[in-house]
PDB file of all heavy atoms in Angstrom:
ATOM      1  N   LEU A   1      -1.602  -2.042   0.834  1.00  0.00           N
ATOM      2  CA  LEU A   1      -1.545  -0.741   1.507  1.00  0.00           C
ATOM      3  C   LEU A   1      -2.954  -0.205   1.760  1.00  0.00           C
ATOM      4  O   LEU A   1      -3.253   0.302   2.842  1.00  0.00           O
ATOM      5  CB  LEU A   1      -0.728   0.253   0.684  1.00  0.00           C
ATOM      6  CG  LEU A   1       0.762  -0.039   0.564  1.00  0.00           C
ATOM      7  CD1 LEU A   1       1.397   0.868  -0.492  1.00  0.00           C
ATOM      8  CD2 LEU A   1       1.462   0.116   1.902  1.00  0.00           C
ATOM      9  N   ARG A   2      -3.811  -0.329   0.753  1.00  0.00           N
ATOM     10  CA  ARG A   2      -5.196   0.138   0.891  1.00  0.00           C
ATOM     11  C   ARG A   2      -5.887  -0.598   2.038  1.00  0.00           C
ATOM     12  O   ARG A   2      -6.542   0.000   2.884  1.00  0.00           O
ATOM     13  CB  ARG A   2      -5.964  -0.074  -0.422  1.00  0.00           C
ATOM     14  CG  ARG A   2      -7.390   0.515  -0.395  1.00  0.00           C
ATOM     15  CD  ARG A   2      -8.310  -0.197  -1.361  1.00  0.00           C
ATOM     16  NE  ARG A   2      -8.486  -1.600  -1.066  1.00  0.00           N
ATOM     17  CZ  ARG A   2      -9.239  -2.087  -0.067  1.00  0.00           C
ATOM     18  NH1 ARG A   2      -9.892  -1.281   0.748  1.00  0.00           N
ATOM     19  NH2 ARG A   2      -9.349  -3.387   0.113  1.00  0.00           N
ATOM     20  N   HIS A   3      -5.709  -1.899   2.070  1.00  0.00           N
ATOM     21  CA  HIS A   3      -6.321  -2.718   3.114  1.00  0.00           C
ATOM     22  C   HIS A   3      -5.761  -2.351   4.497  1.00  0.00           C
ATOM     23  O   HIS A   3      -6.508  -2.301   5.485  1.00  0.00           O
ATOM     24  CB  HIS A   3      -6.083  -4.196   2.798  1.00  0.00           C
ATOM     25  CG  HIS A   3      -6.755  -5.135   3.741  1.00  0.00           C
ATOM     26  ND1 HIS A   3      -8.121  -5.334   3.776  1.00  0.00           N
ATOM     27  CD2 HIS A   3      -6.239  -5.924   4.706  1.00  0.00           C
ATOM     28  CE1 HIS A   3      -8.417  -6.196   4.714  1.00  0.00           C
ATOM     29  NE2 HIS A   3      -7.299  -6.576   5.302  1.00  0.00           N
ATOM     30  N   ALA A   4      -4.458  -2.101   4.573  1.00  0.00           N
ATOM     31  CA  ALA A   4      -3.829  -1.728   5.849  1.00  0.00           C
ATOM     32  C   ALA A   4      -4.390  -0.408   6.363  1.00  0.00           C
ATOM     33  O   ALA A   4      -4.670  -0.272   7.564  1.00  0.00           O
ATOM     34  CB  ALA A   4      -2.309  -1.644   5.696  1.00  0.00           C
ATOM     35  N   VAL A   5      -4.552   0.571   5.476  1.00  0.00           N
ATOM     36  CA  VAL A   5      -5.107   1.861   5.885  1.00  0.00           C
ATOM     37  C   VAL A   5      -6.542   1.673   6.382  1.00  0.00           C
ATOM     38  O   VAL A   5      -6.895   2.153   7.458  1.00  0.00           O
ATOM     39  CB  VAL A   5      -5.051   2.882   4.724  1.00  0.00           C
ATOM     40  CG1 VAL A   5      -5.913   4.106   5.018  1.00  0.00           C
ATOM     41  CG2 VAL A   5      -3.611   3.300   4.459  1.00  0.00           C
ATOM     42  N   GLU A   6      -7.335   0.955   5.624  1.00  0.00           N
ATOM     43  CA  GLU A   6      -8.735   0.739   6.011  1.00  0.00           C
ATOM     44  C   GLU A   6      -8.832   0.003   7.348  1.00  0.00           C
ATOM     45  O   GLU A   6      -9.730   0.272   8.151  1.00  0.00           O
ATOM     46  CB  GLU A   6      -9.446  -0.062   4.922  1.00  0.00           C
ATOM     47  CG  GLU A   6     -10.913  -0.306   5.199  1.00  0.00           C
ATOM     48  CD  GLU A   6     -11.577  -1.131   4.124  1.00  0.00           C
ATOM     49  OE1 GLU A   6     -10.919  -2.003   3.513  1.00  0.00           O
ATOM     50  OE2 GLU A   6     -12.776  -0.888   3.882  1.00  0.00           O
ATOM     51  N   GLY A   7      -7.888  -0.900   7.613  1.00  0.00           N
ATOM     52  CA  GLY A   7      -7.939  -1.736   8.799  1.00  0.00           C
ATOM     53  C   GLY A   7      -7.396  -1.113  10.076  1.00  0.00           C
ATOM     54  O   GLY A   7      -7.495  -1.714  11.147  1.00  0.00           O
ATOM     55  N   GLU A   8      -6.827   0.082   9.983  1.00  0.00           N
ATOM     56  CA  GLU A   8      -6.322   0.744  11.187  1.00  0.00           C
ATOM     57  C   GLU A   8      -7.483   1.087  12.126  1.00  0.00           C
ATOM     58  O   GLU A   8      -8.620   1.249  11.696  1.00  0.00           O
ATOM     59  CB  GLU A   8      -5.575   2.032  10.815  1.00  0.00           C
ATOM     60  CG  GLU A   8      -4.220   1.794  10.204  1.00  0.00           C
ATOM     61  CD  GLU A   8      -3.228   1.178  11.165  1.00  0.00           C
ATOM     62  OE1 GLU A   8      -2.981   1.764  12.236  1.00  0.00           O
ATOM     63  OE2 GLU A   8      -2.706   0.094  10.848  1.00  0.00           O
ATOM     64  N   HIS A   9      -7.176   1.235  13.396  1.00  0.00           N
ATOM     65  CA  HIS A   9      -8.208   1.584  14.391  1.00  0.00           C
ATOM     66  C   HIS A   9      -8.335   3.109  14.461  1.00  0.00           C
ATOM     67  O   HIS A   9      -7.802   3.756  15.364  1.00  0.00           O
ATOM     68  CB  HIS A   9      -7.852   0.991  15.754  1.00  0.00           C
ATOM     69  CG  HIS A   9      -8.896   1.244  16.788  1.00  0.00           C
ATOM     70  ND1 HIS A   9     -10.164   0.711  16.705  1.00  0.00           N
ATOM     71  CD2 HIS A   9      -8.877   1.995  17.910  1.00  0.00           C
ATOM     72  CE1 HIS A   9     -10.869   1.122  17.734  1.00  0.00           C
ATOM     73  NE2 HIS A   9     -10.116   1.908  18.483  1.00  0.00           N
ATOM     74  N   TRP A  10      -9.020   3.679  13.487  1.00  0.00           N
ATOM     75  CA  TRP A  10      -9.136   5.131  13.363  1.00  0.00           C
ATOM     76  C   TRP A  10      -9.930   5.799  14.473  1.00  0.00           C
ATOM     77  O   TRP A  10      -9.643   6.948  14.822  1.00  0.00           O
ATOM     78  CB  TRP A  10      -9.703   5.494  11.990  1.00  0.00           C
ATOM     79  CG  TRP A  10      -8.756   5.099  10.907  1.00  0.00           C
ATOM     80  CD1 TRP A  10      -8.878   4.051  10.043  1.00  0.00           C
ATOM     81  CD2 TRP A  10      -7.500   5.713  10.603  1.00  0.00           C
ATOM     82  NE1 TRP A  10      -7.787   3.983   9.223  1.00  0.00           N
ATOM     83  CE2 TRP A  10      -6.924   4.998   9.542  1.00  0.00           C
ATOM     84  CE3 TRP A  10      -6.800   6.800  11.126  1.00  0.00           C
ATOM     85  CZ2 TRP A  10      -5.688   5.326   8.986  1.00  0.00           C
ATOM     86  CZ3 TRP A  10      -5.583   7.133  10.581  1.00  0.00           C
ATOM     87  CH2 TRP A  10      -5.038   6.405   9.522  1.00  0.00           C
ATOM     88  N   PRO A  11     -10.942   5.144  15.076  1.00  0.00           N
ATOM     89  CA  PRO A  11     -11.661   5.810  16.167  1.00  0.00           C
ATOM     90  C   PRO A  11     -10.771   6.191  17.353  1.00  0.00           C
ATOM     91  O   PRO A  11     -11.170   7.008  18.178  1.00  0.00           O
ATOM     92  CB  PRO A  11     -12.738   4.790  16.563  1.00  0.00           C
ATOM     93  CG  PRO A  11     -12.986   4.024  15.307  1.00  0.00           C
ATOM     94  CD  PRO A  11     -11.620   3.903  14.666  1.00  0.00           C
ATOM     95  N   ALA A  12      -9.562   5.635  17.429  1.00  0.00           N
ATOM     96  CA  ALA A  12      -8.643   6.053  18.488  1.00  0.00           C
ATOM     97  C   ALA A  12      -8.231   7.516  18.307  1.00  0.00           C
ATOM     98  O   ALA A  12      -7.911   8.195  19.276  1.00  0.00           O
ATOM     99  CB  ALA A  12      -7.399   5.158  18.501  1.00  0.00           C
ATOM    100  N   LEU A  13      -8.252   7.999  17.059  1.00  0.00           N
ATOM    101  CA  LEU A  13      -7.957   9.415  16.788  1.00  0.00           C
ATOM    102  C   LEU A  13      -9.179  10.303  16.996  1.00  0.00           C
ATOM    103  O   LEU A  13      -9.043  11.434  17.448  1.00  0.00           O
ATOM    104  CB  LEU A  13      -7.458   9.605  15.356  1.00  0.00           C
ATOM    105  CG  LEU A  13      -6.056   9.121  15.022  1.00  0.00           C
ATOM    106  CD1 LEU A  13      -5.742   9.408  13.549  1.00  0.00           C
ATOM    107  CD2 LEU A  13      -5.022   9.787  15.907  1.00  0.00           C
ATOM    108  N   ALA A  14     -10.343   9.789  16.620  1.00  0.00           N
ATOM    109  CA  ALA A  14     -11.587  10.557  16.763  1.00  0.00           C
ATOM    110  C   ALA A  14     -12.759   9.580  16.679  1.00  0.00           C
ATOM    111  O   ALA A  14     -12.788   8.740  15.772  1.00  0.00           O
ATOM    112  CB  ALA A  14     -11.699  11.613  15.668  1.00  0.00           C
ATOM    113  N   PRO A  15     -13.709   9.679  17.590  1.00  0.00           N
ATOM    114  CA  PRO A  15     -14.869   8.783  17.559  1.00  0.00           C
ATOM    115  C   PRO A  15     -15.566   8.830  16.198  1.00  0.00           C
ATOM    116  O   PRO A  15     -15.773   9.896  15.625  1.00  0.00           O
ATOM    117  CB  PRO A  15     -15.782   9.331  18.666  1.00  0.00           C
ATOM    118  CG  PRO A  15     -14.856  10.063  19.587  1.00  0.00           C
ATOM    119  CD  PRO A  15     -13.776  10.633  18.694  1.00  0.00           C
ATOM    120  N   GLY A  16     -15.876   7.650  15.679  1.00  0.00           N
ATOM    121  CA  GLY A  16     -16.590   7.561  14.414  1.00  0.00           C
ATOM    122  C   GLY A  16     -15.736   7.726  13.168  1.00  0.00           C
ATOM    123  O   GLY A  16     -16.244   7.646  12.057  1.00  0.00           O
ATOM    124  N   LEU A  17     -14.443   7.942  13.341  1.00  0.00           N
ATOM    125  CA  LEU A  17     -13.563   8.157  12.203  1.00  0.00           C
ATOM    126  C   LEU A  17     -13.286   6.850  11.469  1.00  0.00           C
ATOM    127  O   LEU A  17     -12.994   5.827  12.078  1.00  0.00           O
ATOM    128  CB  LEU A  17     -12.233   8.772  12.669  1.00  0.00           C
ATOM    129  CG  LEU A  17     -11.187   9.053  11.589  1.00  0.00           C
ATOM    130  CD1 LEU A  17     -11.692  10.078  10.584  1.00  0.00           C
ATOM    131  CD2 LEU A  17      -9.886   9.524  12.228  1.00  0.00           C
ATOM    132  N   ALA A  18     -13.390   6.900  10.135  1.00  0.00           N
ATOM    133  CA  ALA A  18     -13.008   5.795   9.251  1.00  0.00           C
ATOM    134  C   ALA A  18     -12.190   6.411   8.121  1.00  0.00           C
ATOM    135  O   ALA A  18     -12.499   7.504   7.659  1.00  0.00           O
ATOM    136  CB  ALA A  18     -14.231   5.089   8.700  1.00  0.00           C
ATOM    137  N   VAL A  19     -11.137   5.729   7.699  1.00  0.00           N
ATOM    138  CA  VAL A  19     -10.271   6.247   6.652  1.00  0.00           C
ATOM    139  C   VAL A  19     -10.064   5.168   5.600  1.00  0.00           C
ATOM    140  O   VAL A  19      -9.733   4.021   5.933  1.00  0.00           O
ATOM    141  CB  VAL A  19      -8.901   6.693   7.214  1.00  0.00           C
ATOM    142  CG1 VAL A  19      -7.990   7.194   6.100  1.00  0.00           C
ATOM    143  CG2 VAL A  19      -9.090   7.763   8.285  1.00  0.00           C
ATOM    144  N   THR A  20     -10.282   5.542   4.346  1.00  0.00           N
ATOM    145  CA  THR A  20     -10.012   4.657   3.217  1.00  0.00           C
ATOM    146  C   THR A  20      -9.235   5.457   2.171  1.00  0.00           C
ATOM    147  O   THR A  20      -9.100   6.678   2.289  1.00  0.00           O
ATOM    148  CB  THR A  20     -11.315   4.119   2.587  1.00  0.00           C
ATOM    149  OG1 THR A  20     -12.103   5.209   2.109  1.00  0.00           O
ATOM    150  CG2 THR A  20     -12.114   3.289   3.596  1.00  0.00           C
ATOM    151  N   MET A  21      -8.751   4.751   1.145  1.00  0.00           N
ATOM    152  CA  MET A  21      -8.044   5.454   0.083  1.00  0.00           C
ATOM    153  C   MET A  21      -8.311   4.799  -1.252  1.00  0.00           C
ATOM    154  O   MET A  21      -8.627   3.607  -1.343  1.00  0.00           O
ATOM    155  CB  MET A  21      -6.545   5.520   0.364  1.00  0.00           C
ATOM    156  CG  MET A  21      -5.806   4.226   0.261  1.00  0.00           C
ATOM    157  SD  MET A  21      -4.037   4.500   0.576  1.00  0.00           S
ATOM    158  CE  MET A  21      -3.374   2.932   0.039  1.00  0.00           C
ATOM    159  N   SER A  22      -8.173   5.598  -2.284  1.00  0.00           N
ATOM    160  CA  SER A  22      -8.286   5.147  -3.659  1.00  0.00           C
ATOM    161  C   SER A  22      -6.917   5.263  -4.298  1.00  0.00           C
ATOM    162  O   SER A  22      -6.155   6.180  -3.977  1.00  0.00           O
ATOM    163  CB  SER A  22      -9.299   6.020  -4.419  1.00  0.00           C
ATOM    164  OG  SER A  22     -10.563   5.954  -3.797  1.00  0.00           O
ATOM    165  N   VAL A  23      -6.617   4.332  -5.233  1.00  0.00           N
ATOM    166  CA  VAL A  23      -5.283   4.276  -5.819  1.00  0.00           C
ATOM    167  C   VAL A  23      -5.372   4.017  -7.312  1.00  0.00           C
ATOM    168  O   VAL A  23      -6.158   3.178  -7.757  1.00  0.00           O
ATOM    169  CB  VAL A  23      -4.433   3.156  -5.170  1.00  0.00           C
ATOM    170  CG1 VAL A  23      -3.006   3.179  -5.704  1.00  0.00           C
ATOM    171  CG2 VAL A  23      -4.457   3.243  -3.653  1.00  0.00           C
ATOM    172  N   GLY A  24      -4.546   4.731  -8.067  1.00  0.00           N
ATOM    173  CA  GLY A  24      -4.373   4.477  -9.495  1.00  0.00           C
ATOM    174  C   GLY A  24      -2.944   4.055  -9.760  1.00  0.00           C
ATOM    175  O   GLY A  24      -2.009   4.676  -9.254  1.00  0.00           O
ATOM    176  N   VAL A  25      -2.756   2.999 -10.548  1.00  0.00           N
ATOM    177  CA  VAL A  25      -1.438   2.414 -10.805  1.00  0.00           C
ATOM    178  C   VAL A  25      -1.134   2.471 -12.297  1.00  0.00           C
ATOM    179  O   VAL A  25      -1.996   2.182 -13.129  1.00  0.00           O
ATOM    180  CB  VAL A  25      -1.394   0.934 -10.341  1.00  0.00           C
ATOM    181  CG1 VAL A  25      -0.040   0.307 -10.643  1.00  0.00           C
ATOM    182  CG2 VAL A  25      -1.735   0.820  -8.868  1.00  0.00           C
ATOM    183  N   ALA A  26       0.112   2.804 -12.626  1.00  0.00           N
ATOM    184  CA  ALA A  26       0.587   2.766 -14.016  1.00  0.00           C
ATOM    185  C   ALA A  26       1.999   2.188 -14.022  1.00  0.00           C
ATOM    186  O   ALA A  26       2.769   2.398 -13.089  1.00  0.00           O
ATOM    187  CB  ALA A  26       0.581   4.162 -14.626  1.00  0.00           C
ATOM    188  N   THR A  27       2.326   1.460 -15.085  1.00  0.00           N
ATOM    189  CA  THR A  27       3.621   0.800 -15.183  1.00  0.00           C
ATOM    190  C   THR A  27       4.360   1.281 -16.419  1.00  0.00           C
ATOM    191  O   THR A  27       3.773   1.373 -17.511  1.00  0.00           O
ATOM    192  CB  THR A  27       3.445  -0.731 -15.229  1.00  0.00           C
ATOM    193  OG1 THR A  27       2.774  -1.137 -14.037  1.00  0.00           O
ATOM    194  CG2 THR A  27       4.773  -1.448 -15.324  1.00  0.00           C
ATOM    195  N   LEU A  28       5.622   1.586 -16.248  1.00  0.00           N
ATOM    196  CA  LEU A  28       6.479   2.039 -17.334  1.00  0.00           C
ATOM    197  C   LEU A  28       6.678   0.894 -18.320  1.00  0.00           C
ATOM    198  O   LEU A  28       7.066  -0.206 -17.921  1.00  0.00           O
ATOM    199  CB  LEU A  28       7.825   2.491 -16.768  1.00  0.00           C
ATOM    200  CG  LEU A  28       8.804   3.158 -17.721  1.00  0.00           C
ATOM    201  CD1 LEU A  28       8.241   4.489 -18.220  1.00  0.00           C
ATOM    202  CD2 LEU A  28      10.134   3.384 -17.029  1.00  0.00           C
ATOM    203  N   ASP A  29       6.394   1.166 -19.577  1.00  0.00           N
ATOM    204  CA  ASP A  29       6.596   0.134 -20.593  1.00  0.00           C
ATOM    205  C   ASP A  29       7.834   0.427 -21.447  1.00  0.00           C
ATOM    206  O   ASP A  29       8.099  -0.263 -22.419  1.00  0.00           O
ATOM    207  CB  ASP A  29       5.358  -0.047 -21.455  1.00  0.00           C
ATOM    208  CG  ASP A  29       5.044   1.164 -22.321  1.00  0.00           C
ATOM    209  OD1 ASP A  29       5.890   2.075 -22.430  1.00  0.00           O
ATOM    210  OD2 ASP A  29       3.945   1.196 -22.892  1.00  0.00           O
ATOM    211  N   GLY A  30       8.587   1.464 -21.086  1.00  0.00           N
ATOM    212  CA  GLY A  30       9.800   1.790 -21.808  1.00  0.00           C
ATOM    213  C   GLY A  30       9.616   2.774 -22.944  1.00  0.00           C
ATOM    214  O   GLY A  30      10.582   3.262 -23.509  1.00  0.00           O
ATOM    215  N   ARG A  31       8.367   3.062 -23.273  1.00  0.00           N
ATOM    216  CA  ARG A  31       8.112   3.963 -24.396  1.00  0.00           C
ATOM    217  C   ARG A  31       7.584   5.322 -23.970  1.00  0.00           C
ATOM    218  O   ARG A  31       7.791   6.294 -24.672  1.00  0.00           O
ATOM    219  CB  ARG A  31       7.104   3.318 -25.358  1.00  0.00           C
ATOM    220  CG  ARG A  31       7.623   2.064 -26.019  1.00  0.00           C
ATOM    221  CD  ARG A  31       6.579   1.510 -26.953  1.00  0.00           C
ATOM    222  NE  ARG A  31       5.388   1.158 -26.180  1.00  0.00           N
ATOM    223  CZ  ARG A  31       4.844  -0.038 -26.153  1.00  0.00           C
ATOM    224  NH1 ARG A  31       5.363  -1.002 -26.836  1.00  0.00           N
ATOM    225  NH2 ARG A  31       3.773  -0.273 -25.437  1.00  0.00           N
ATOM    226  N   GLN A  32       6.897   5.394 -22.855  1.00  0.00           N
ATOM    227  CA  GLN A  32       6.272   6.653 -22.483  1.00  0.00           C
ATOM    228  C   GLN A  32       7.198   7.509 -21.618  1.00  0.00           C
ATOM    229  O   GLN A  32       8.103   7.009 -20.978  1.00  0.00           O
ATOM    230  CB  GLN A  32       4.911   6.434 -21.807  1.00  0.00           C
ATOM    231  CG  GLN A  32       4.952   5.915 -20.396  1.00  0.00           C
ATOM    232  CD  GLN A  32       4.926   4.412 -20.293  1.00  0.00           C
ATOM    233  OE1 GLN A  32       5.778   3.743 -20.827  1.00  0.00           O
ATOM    234  NE2 GLN A  32       3.958   3.889 -19.571  1.00  0.00           N
ATOM    235  N   GLU A  33       6.904   8.782 -21.632  1.00  0.00           N
ATOM    236  CA  GLU A  33       7.600   9.742 -20.768  1.00  0.00           C
ATOM    237  C   GLU A  33       7.063   9.604 -19.337  1.00  0.00           C
ATOM    238  O   GLU A  33       5.947   9.126 -19.130  1.00  0.00           O
ATOM    239  CB  GLU A  33       7.324  11.163 -21.256  1.00  0.00           C
ATOM    240  CG  GLU A  33       7.736  11.437 -22.686  1.00  0.00           C
ATOM    241  CD  GLU A  33       9.197  11.810 -22.783  1.00  0.00           C
ATOM    242  OE1 GLU A  33       9.700  12.423 -21.833  1.00  0.00           O
ATOM    243  OE2 GLU A  33       9.813  11.480 -23.800  1.00  0.00           O
ATOM    244  N   VAL A  34       7.837  10.070 -18.390  1.00  0.00           N
ATOM    245  CA  VAL A  34       7.408  10.021 -16.991  1.00  0.00           C
ATOM    246  C   VAL A  34       6.107  10.802 -16.810  1.00  0.00           C
ATOM    247  O   VAL A  34       5.206  10.369 -16.092  1.00  0.00           O
ATOM    248  CB  VAL A  34       8.515  10.555 -16.057  1.00  0.00           C
ATOM    249  CG1 VAL A  34       8.011  10.690 -14.626  1.00  0.00           C
ATOM    250  CG2 VAL A  34       9.727   9.646 -16.113  1.00  0.00           C
ATOM    251  N   ALA A  35       5.986  11.945 -17.479  1.00  0.00           N
ATOM    252  CA  ALA A  35       4.760  12.746 -17.362  1.00  0.00           C
ATOM    253  C   ALA A  35       3.542  11.953 -17.841  1.00  0.00           C
ATOM    254  O   ALA A  35       2.460  12.057 -17.262  1.00  0.00           O
ATOM    255  CB  ALA A  35       4.897  14.044 -18.148  1.00  0.00           C
ATOM    256  N   THR A  36       3.716  11.150 -18.872  1.00  0.00           N
ATOM    257  CA  THR A  36       2.627  10.313 -19.369  1.00  0.00           C
ATOM    258  C   THR A  36       2.263   9.261 -18.344  1.00  0.00           C
ATOM    259  O   THR A  36       1.086   8.977 -18.105  1.00  0.00           O
ATOM    260  CB  THR A  36       3.029   9.643 -20.701  1.00  0.00           C
ATOM    261  OG1 THR A  36       3.356  10.670 -21.642  1.00  0.00           O
ATOM    262  CG2 THR A  36       1.918   8.770 -21.253  1.00  0.00           C
ATOM    263  N   LEU A  37       3.263   8.685 -17.717  1.00  0.00           N
ATOM    264  CA  LEU A  37       3.033   7.687 -16.674  1.00  0.00           C
ATOM    265  C   LEU A  37       2.233   8.291 -15.516  1.00  0.00           C
ATOM    266  O   LEU A  37       1.285   7.688 -15.014  1.00  0.00           O
ATOM    267  CB  LEU A  37       4.379   7.153 -16.189  1.00  0.00           C
ATOM    268  CG  LEU A  37       4.393   5.878 -15.375  1.00  0.00           C
ATOM    269  CD1 LEU A  37       3.844   4.704 -16.167  1.00  0.00           C
ATOM    270  CD2 LEU A  37       5.806   5.579 -14.902  1.00  0.00           C
ATOM    271  N   LEU A  38       2.598   9.498 -15.118  1.00  0.00           N
ATOM    272  CA  LEU A  38       1.859  10.183 -14.052  1.00  0.00           C
ATOM    273  C   LEU A  38       0.412  10.449 -14.470  1.00  0.00           C
ATOM    274  O   LEU A  38      -0.510  10.279 -13.673  1.00  0.00           O
ATOM    275  CB  LEU A  38       2.541  11.492 -13.686  1.00  0.00           C
ATOM    276  CG  LEU A  38       3.739  11.373 -12.760  1.00  0.00           C
ATOM    277  CD1 LEU A  38       4.508  12.688 -12.698  1.00  0.00           C
ATOM    278  CD2 LEU A  38       3.312  10.948 -11.369  1.00  0.00           C
ATOM    279  N   ARG A  39       0.209  10.858 -15.715  1.00  0.00           N
ATOM    280  CA  ARG A  39      -1.160  11.096 -16.200  1.00  0.00           C
ATOM    281  C   ARG A  39      -1.974   9.804 -16.181  1.00  0.00           C
ATOM    282  O   ARG A  39      -3.155   9.808 -15.830  1.00  0.00           O
ATOM    283  CB  ARG A  39      -1.146  11.709 -17.594  1.00  0.00           C
ATOM    284  CG  ARG A  39      -0.859  13.192 -17.598  1.00  0.00           C
ATOM    285  CD  ARG A  39      -1.177  13.843 -18.946  1.00  0.00           C
ATOM    286  NE  ARG A  39      -0.400  13.290 -20.041  1.00  0.00           N
ATOM    287  CZ  ARG A  39       0.838  13.673 -20.378  1.00  0.00           C
ATOM    288  NH1 ARG A  39       1.440  14.629 -19.691  1.00  0.00           N
ATOM    289  NH2 ARG A  39       1.465  13.110 -21.390  1.00  0.00           N
ATOM    290  N   GLN A  40      -1.343   8.690 -16.559  1.00  0.00           N
ATOM    291  CA  GLN A  40      -2.042   7.403 -16.534  1.00  0.00           C
ATOM    292  C   GLN A  40      -2.436   7.028 -15.109  1.00  0.00           C
ATOM    293  O   GLN A  40      -3.576   6.596 -14.866  1.00  0.00           O
ATOM    294  CB  GLN A  40      -1.159   6.302 -17.121  1.00  0.00           C
ATOM    295  CG  GLN A  40      -0.986   6.388 -18.613  1.00  0.00           C
ATOM    296  CD  GLN A  40       0.023   5.362 -19.125  1.00  0.00           C
ATOM    297  OE1 GLN A  40       0.865   4.864 -18.383  1.00  0.00           O
ATOM    298  NE2 GLN A  40      -0.066   5.059 -20.411  1.00  0.00           N
ATOM    299  N   ALA A  41      -1.514   7.176 -14.174  1.00  0.00           N
ATOM    300  CA  ALA A  41      -1.827   6.860 -12.776  1.00  0.00           C
ATOM    301  C   ALA A  41      -2.934   7.764 -12.260  1.00  0.00           C
ATOM    302  O   ALA A  41      -3.848   7.312 -11.554  1.00  0.00           O
ATOM    303  CB  ALA A  41      -0.575   6.985 -11.914  1.00  0.00           C
TER     304      ALA A  41
END
C-alpha cells in the first residue's frame, strides 16, 4: 500500500506534488486489549 501511494502520479493533481505515508503495524496475540493493540500500532 505504501509503495502504491508513493507510485501514484501526484503531479496530475498539482505540479510538484509528491505523497508518501508512514505506517505502524501491530498484531493481536490473544492477550492484549484492542486499546493496547491500537497503542502499539
